[in-house]
Amino acid sequence: MILITGGAGYIGSHINKDLNKNGYQTVVFDNLVYGHKEAVKWGEFIEGDLDNPDQLQALFKKHSIKAVMHFAAFACVGESVTDPQKYYLNNVKNTLNLLQMCLKNNVKNFIFSSIYT
């Protein structure tokens, strides 16, 4: 099972589609702040937040996650300037929450999508 965080967003939903068309099972985990539930047409959808350790633990307990593809970053430059704390908490702290859960559950395959070059 491949976990796609931010899978209801533009990039995540296209990755989800491609993975499913190539025979992979996926679960999408998204808080729908910027994503759209209707974009998740393949795999299982779970609405949740990376800031919630209990939700993450339940997700990893329910599914045998073998790989994580992480697309759950905020990417609006203007908003990041006016509300940097929101971006720090989501893009840094929540990524660390996810990485800790991967370590705890022995998930060794992790793909991180960065908007920066």
N, C-alpha and C. Protein backbone atom coordinates (compact mmCIF):
# COMPACT_ATOMS: atom_id res chain seq x y z
N MET A 1 0.85 -1.17 0.00
CA MET A 1 0.00 0.00 0.00
C MET A 1 0.89 1.24 0.00
N ILE A 2 0.58 2.18 -0.87
CA ILE A 2 1.30 3.44 -0.92
C ILE A 2 0.43 4.54 -0.33
N LEU A 3 0.98 5.26 0.62
CA LEU A 3 0.30 6.40 1.23
C LEU A 3 0.66 7.65 0.46
N ILE A 4 -0.36 8.40 0.03
CA ILE A 4 -0.14 9.67 -0.66
C ILE A 4 -0.72 10.77 0.21
N THR A 5 0.16 11.55 0.84
CA THR A 5 -0.32 12.69 1.61
C THR A 5 -0.50 13.86 0.66
N GLY A 6 -1.57 14.61 0.84
CA GLY A 6 -1.87 15.69 -0.09
C GLY A 6 -2.38 15.15 -1.42
N GLY A 7 -2.93 13.97 -1.39
CA GLY A 7 -3.39 13.31 -2.62
C GLY A 7 -4.66 13.87 -3.21
N ALA A 8 -5.27 14.85 -2.55
CA ALA A 8 -6.45 15.51 -3.12
C ALA A 8 -6.08 16.81 -3.80
N GLY A 9 -4.80 17.11 -3.83
CA GLY A 9 -4.30 18.29 -4.53
C GLY A 9 -3.96 17.94 -5.97
N TYR A 10 -3.48 18.92 -6.70
CA TYR A 10 -3.22 18.74 -8.13
C TYR A 10 -2.18 17.65 -8.41
N ILE A 11 -0.99 17.79 -7.85
CA ILE A 11 0.07 16.81 -8.13
C ILE A 11 -0.26 15.46 -7.52
N GLY A 12 -0.68 15.46 -6.26
CA GLY A 12 -0.99 14.21 -5.58
C GLY A 12 -2.08 13.41 -6.27
N SER A 13 -3.11 14.08 -6.76
CA SER A 13 -4.21 13.36 -7.41
C SER A 13 -3.76 12.74 -8.73
N HIS A 14 -2.85 13.41 -9.44
CA HIS A 14 -2.34 12.83 -10.70
C HIS A 14 -1.40 11.66 -10.43
N ILE A 15 -0.60 11.75 -9.39
CA ILE A 15 0.25 10.62 -8.99
C ILE A 15 -0.62 9.44 -8.59
N ASN A 16 -1.67 9.71 -7.82
CA ASN A 16 -2.59 8.66 -7.38
C ASN A 16 -3.21 7.96 -8.59
N LYS A 17 -3.66 8.72 -9.54
CA LYS A 17 -4.25 8.15 -10.76
C LYS A 17 -3.25 7.24 -11.47
N ASP A 18 -2.05 7.74 -11.66
CA ASP A 18 -1.03 6.97 -12.38
C ASP A 18 -0.65 5.69 -11.62
N LEU A 19 -0.49 5.79 -10.32
CA LEU A 19 -0.15 4.60 -9.54
C LEU A 19 -1.23 3.53 -9.65
N ASN A 20 -2.49 3.94 -9.53
CA ASN A 20 -3.58 2.98 -9.62
C ASN A 20 -3.68 2.36 -11.01
N LYS A 21 -3.46 3.15 -12.03
CA LYS A 21 -3.50 2.61 -13.40
C LYS A 21 -2.38 1.61 -13.64
N ASN A 22 -1.32 1.70 -12.82
CA ASN A 22 -0.20 0.77 -12.94
C ASN A 22 -0.25 -0.35 -11.91
N GLY A 23 -1.41 -0.53 -11.28
CA GLY A 23 -1.64 -1.67 -10.42
C GLY A 23 -1.29 -1.52 -8.96
N TYR A 24 -0.93 -0.32 -8.52
CA TYR A 24 -0.59 -0.11 -7.11
C TYR A 24 -1.83 0.24 -6.31
N GLN A 25 -1.87 -0.21 -5.07
CA GLN A 25 -2.94 0.16 -4.16
C GLN A 25 -2.51 1.41 -3.39
N THR A 26 -3.43 2.36 -3.27
CA THR A 26 -3.10 3.61 -2.61
C THR A 26 -4.14 3.99 -1.56
N VAL A 27 -3.67 4.78 -0.62
CA VAL A 27 -4.56 5.45 0.32
C VAL A 27 -4.14 6.91 0.33
N VAL A 28 -5.11 7.79 0.18
CA VAL A 28 -4.87 9.23 0.16
C VAL A 28 -5.26 9.80 1.51
N PHE A 29 -4.36 10.60 2.08
CA PHE A 29 -4.59 11.26 3.37
C PHE A 29 -4.45 12.75 3.13
N ASP A 30 -5.54 13.49 3.34
CA ASP A 30 -5.54 14.92 3.00
C ASP A 30 -6.48 15.65 3.94
N ASN A 31 -6.10 16.87 4.36
CA ASN A 31 -6.96 17.65 5.25
C ASN A 31 -7.93 18.55 4.48
N LEU A 32 -7.82 18.57 3.17
CA LEU A 32 -8.71 19.32 2.27
C LEU A 32 -8.64 20.84 2.48
N VAL A 33 -7.54 21.33 3.05
CA VAL A 33 -7.39 22.78 3.17
C VAL A 33 -7.29 23.39 1.77
N TYR A 34 -6.47 22.77 0.91
CA TYR A 34 -6.35 23.23 -0.47
C TYR A 34 -6.72 22.14 -1.48
N GLY A 35 -6.89 20.91 -1.01
CA GLY A 35 -7.25 19.80 -1.89
C GLY A 35 -8.76 19.71 -2.09
N HIS A 36 -9.15 18.80 -2.96
CA HIS A 36 -10.56 18.61 -3.31
C HIS A 36 -10.88 17.12 -3.28
N LYS A 37 -11.78 16.73 -2.41
CA LYS A 37 -12.13 15.32 -2.25
C LYS A 37 -12.52 14.68 -3.59
N GLU A 38 -13.20 15.43 -4.44
CA GLU A 38 -13.64 14.87 -5.72
C GLU A 38 -12.48 14.56 -6.66
N ALA A 39 -11.28 15.02 -6.33
CA ALA A 39 -10.09 14.71 -7.14
C ALA A 39 -9.56 13.31 -6.84
N VAL A 40 -10.02 12.71 -5.76
CA VAL A 40 -9.58 11.37 -5.38
C VAL A 40 -10.56 10.36 -5.95
N LYS A 41 -10.26 9.86 -7.13
CA LYS A 41 -11.14 8.93 -7.82
C LYS A 41 -10.62 7.50 -7.76
N TRP A 42 -9.42 7.31 -7.19
CA TRP A 42 -8.81 5.99 -7.10
C TRP A 42 -8.31 5.79 -5.69
N GLY A 43 -8.25 4.53 -5.28
CA GLY A 43 -7.77 4.21 -3.95
C GLY A 43 -8.75 4.64 -2.87
N GLU A 44 -8.30 4.57 -1.65
CA GLU A 44 -9.12 4.96 -0.50
C GLU A 44 -8.78 6.39 -0.09
N PHE A 45 -9.79 7.14 0.32
CA PHE A 45 -9.57 8.50 0.81
C PHE A 45 -9.84 8.56 2.31
N ILE A 46 -8.90 9.17 3.03
CA ILE A 46 -9.08 9.42 4.46
C ILE A 46 -8.82 10.90 4.70
N GLU A 47 -9.83 11.58 5.24
CA GLU A 47 -9.64 12.99 5.59
C GLU A 47 -8.98 13.05 6.97
N GLY A 48 -7.86 13.73 7.02
CA GLY A 48 -7.15 13.84 8.28
C GLY A 48 -6.04 14.85 8.16
N ASP A 49 -5.36 15.09 9.28
CA ASP A 49 -4.33 16.11 9.33
C ASP A 49 -3.04 15.53 9.87
N LEU A 50 -1.93 15.85 9.24
CA LEU A 50 -0.63 15.38 9.69
C LEU A 50 -0.25 15.94 11.04
N ASP A 51 -0.98 16.92 11.51
CA ASP A 51 -0.75 17.50 12.83
C ASP A 51 -1.39 16.67 13.95
N ASN A 52 -2.11 15.62 13.58
CA ASN A 52 -2.82 14.80 14.55
C ASN A 52 -2.18 13.41 14.64
N PRO A 53 -1.34 13.18 15.65
CA PRO A 53 -0.65 11.88 15.78
C PRO A 53 -1.60 10.70 15.90
N ASP A 54 -2.74 10.90 16.54
CA ASP A 54 -3.70 9.80 16.68
C ASP A 54 -4.26 9.37 15.33
N GLN A 55 -4.56 10.34 14.47
CA GLN A 55 -5.04 10.01 13.12
C GLN A 55 -3.96 9.29 12.32
N LEU A 56 -2.72 9.76 12.44
CA LEU A 56 -1.61 9.12 11.73
C LEU A 56 -1.41 7.68 12.22
N GLN A 57 -1.44 7.50 13.52
CA GLN A 57 -1.25 6.16 14.07
C GLN A 57 -2.36 5.22 13.59
N ALA A 58 -3.59 5.68 13.60
CA ALA A 58 -4.71 4.86 13.14
C ALA A 58 -4.55 4.50 11.66
N LEU A 59 -4.09 5.45 10.87
CA LEU A 59 -3.86 5.21 9.44
C LEU A 59 -2.81 4.12 9.24
N PHE A 60 -1.68 4.22 9.93
CA PHE A 60 -0.62 3.24 9.78
C PHE A 60 -1.01 1.89 10.37
N LYS A 61 -1.86 1.89 11.39
CA LYS A 61 -2.32 0.63 11.98
C LYS A 61 -3.30 -0.09 11.05
N LYS A 62 -4.16 0.67 10.39
CA LYS A 62 -5.18 0.09 9.51
C LYS A 62 -4.58 -0.44 8.21
N HIS A 63 -3.56 0.23 7.70
CA HIS A 63 -3.00 -0.12 6.39
C HIS A 63 -1.55 -0.57 6.53
N SER A 64 -1.16 -1.50 5.72
CA SER A 64 0.23 -1.94 5.68
C SER A 64 0.97 -1.04 4.69
N ILE A 65 1.42 0.10 5.19
CA ILE A 65 2.07 1.11 4.35
C ILE A 65 3.50 0.65 4.04
N LYS A 66 3.82 0.57 2.75
CA LYS A 66 5.16 0.19 2.31
C LYS A 66 5.95 1.39 1.80
N ALA A 67 5.24 2.43 1.38
CA ALA A 67 5.90 3.63 0.84
C ALA A 67 5.01 4.83 1.07
N VAL A 68 5.65 6.00 1.20
CA VAL A 68 4.93 7.26 1.38
C VAL A 68 5.37 8.22 0.29
N MET A 69 4.39 8.87 -0.32
CA MET A 69 4.66 9.95 -1.27
C MET A 69 4.03 11.20 -0.65
N HIS A 70 4.87 12.16 -0.31
CA HIS A 70 4.44 13.30 0.52
C HIS A 70 4.29 14.56 -0.33
N PHE A 71 3.01 14.96 -0.53
CA PHE A 71 2.68 16.15 -1.31
C PHE A 71 1.84 17.14 -0.51
N ALA A 72 1.86 17.04 0.81
CA ALA A 72 0.96 17.82 1.65
C ALA A 72 1.60 19.13 2.14
N ALA A 73 2.24 19.83 1.26
CA ALA A 73 2.83 21.12 1.63
C ALA A 73 1.95 22.26 1.16
N PHE A 74 2.01 23.35 1.89
CA PHE A 74 1.37 24.58 1.43
C PHE A 74 2.36 25.27 0.48
N ALA A 75 1.84 25.86 -0.59
CA ALA A 75 2.74 26.38 -1.63
C ALA A 75 2.38 27.77 -2.14
N CYS A 76 1.54 28.50 -1.46
CA CYS A 76 1.16 29.84 -1.92
C CYS A 76 2.16 30.86 -1.38
N VAL A 77 2.98 31.39 -2.25
CA VAL A 77 4.09 32.25 -1.84
C VAL A 77 3.59 33.48 -1.08
N GLY A 78 2.60 34.17 -1.61
CA GLY A 78 2.09 35.37 -0.95
C GLY A 78 1.62 35.09 0.46
N GLU A 79 0.86 34.03 0.62
CA GLU A 79 0.34 33.68 1.95
C GLU A 79 1.48 33.27 2.89
N SER A 80 2.51 32.64 2.35
CA SER A 80 3.64 32.22 3.20
C SER A 80 4.36 33.43 3.78
N VAL A 81 4.30 34.55 3.08
CA VAL A 81 4.92 35.78 3.58
C VAL A 81 4.05 36.42 4.66
N THR A 82 2.74 36.40 4.46
CA THR A 82 1.84 37.04 5.43
C THR A 82 1.56 36.15 6.64
N ASP A 83 1.71 34.82 6.49
CA ASP A 83 1.44 33.90 7.59
C ASP A 83 2.52 32.81 7.64
N PRO A 84 3.76 33.19 7.94
CA PRO A 84 4.85 32.21 7.92
C PRO A 84 4.68 31.09 8.95
N GLN A 85 4.05 31.37 10.07
CA GLN A 85 3.87 30.31 11.07
C GLN A 85 3.02 29.17 10.52
N LYS A 86 1.96 29.50 9.81
CA LYS A 86 1.10 28.48 9.21
C LYS A 86 1.93 27.57 8.30
N TYR A 87 2.82 28.16 7.53
CA TYR A 87 3.64 27.39 6.59
C TYR A 87 4.71 26.58 7.31
N TYR A 88 5.30 27.14 8.35
CA TYR A 88 6.27 26.39 9.13
C TYR A 88 5.62 25.17 9.77
N LEU A 89 4.49 25.39 10.42
CA LEU A 89 3.81 24.29 11.12
C LEU A 89 3.44 23.17 10.15
N ASN A 90 2.90 23.52 8.99
CA ASN A 90 2.48 22.50 8.05
C ASN A 90 3.67 21.88 7.31
N ASN A 91 4.52 22.71 6.76
CA ASN A 91 5.56 22.20 5.87
C ASN A 91 6.76 21.60 6.60
N VAL A 92 7.01 22.03 7.82
CA VAL A 92 8.15 21.50 8.56
C VAL A 92 7.68 20.56 9.68
N LYS A 93 6.92 21.10 10.61
CA LYS A 93 6.51 20.30 11.77
C LYS A 93 5.69 19.07 11.35
N ASN A 94 4.74 19.26 10.45
CA ASN A 94 3.89 18.13 10.05
C ASN A 94 4.66 17.09 9.24
N THR A 95 5.66 17.55 8.48
CA THR A 95 6.51 16.59 7.76
C THR A 95 7.31 15.76 8.76
N LEU A 96 7.79 16.40 9.82
CA LEU A 96 8.50 15.66 10.87
C LEU A 96 7.58 14.65 11.56
N ASN A 97 6.33 15.03 11.79
CA ASN A 97 5.36 14.08 12.36
C ASN A 97 5.23 12.85 11.47
N LEU A 98 5.13 13.08 10.17
CA LEU A 98 4.98 11.97 9.22
C LEU A 98 6.24 11.11 9.20
N LEU A 99 7.40 11.74 9.18
CA LEU A 99 8.66 10.99 9.17
C LEU A 99 8.81 10.15 10.44
N GLN A 100 8.42 10.71 11.58
CA GLN A 100 8.49 9.94 12.83
C GLN A 100 7.57 8.73 12.77
N MET A 101 6.38 8.89 12.17
CA MET A 101 5.45 7.76 12.06
C MET A 101 6.01 6.70 11.11
N CYS A 102 6.69 7.14 10.05
CA CYS A 102 7.33 6.19 9.14
C CYS A 102 8.40 5.39 9.87
N LEU A 103 9.23 6.07 10.65
CA LEU A 103 10.26 5.37 11.41
C LEU A 103 9.64 4.38 12.39
N LYS A 104 8.62 4.83 13.09
CA LYS A 104 7.95 3.98 14.08
C LYS A 104 7.35 2.72 13.45
N ASN A 105 6.94 2.84 12.19
CA ASN A 105 6.28 1.73 11.50
C ASN A 105 7.17 1.07 10.44
N ASN A 106 8.46 1.36 10.50
CA ASN A 106 9.45 0.72 9.63
C ASN A 106 9.17 0.92 8.14
N VAL A 107 8.69 2.10 7.78
CA VAL A 107 8.48 2.45 6.37
C VAL A 107 9.77 3.11 5.89
N LYS A 108 10.43 2.46 4.93
CA LYS A 108 11.74 2.94 4.49
C LYS A 108 11.71 3.65 3.15
N ASN A 109 10.58 3.65 2.47
CA ASN A 109 10.46 4.29 1.16
C ASN A 109 9.65 5.56 1.30
N PHE A 110 10.32 6.69 1.07
CA PHE A 110 9.68 8.00 1.28
C PHE A 110 10.08 8.92 0.14
N ILE A 111 9.09 9.44 -0.55
CA ILE A 111 9.33 10.42 -1.62
C ILE A 111 8.75 11.74 -1.16
N PHE A 112 9.59 12.76 -1.16
CA PHE A 112 9.20 14.10 -0.73
C PHE A 112 9.19 15.01 -1.94
N SER A 113 8.06 15.64 -2.20
CA SER A 113 7.96 16.59 -3.31
C SER A 113 8.18 17.99 -2.77
N SER A 114 9.19 18.63 -3.30
CA SER A 114 9.49 19.99 -2.88
C SER A 114 9.12 20.96 -3.99
N ILE A 115 8.62 22.12 -3.60
CA ILE A 115 8.27 23.13 -4.60
C ILE A 115 9.46 24.00 -4.92
N TYR A 116 10.54 23.81 -4.18
CA TYR A 116 11.72 24.65 -4.38
C TYR A 116 12.74 23.95 -5.27
N THR A 117 13.49 24.73 -6.02
CA THR A 117 14.53 24.14 -6.87
C THR A 117 15.90 24.55 -6.40
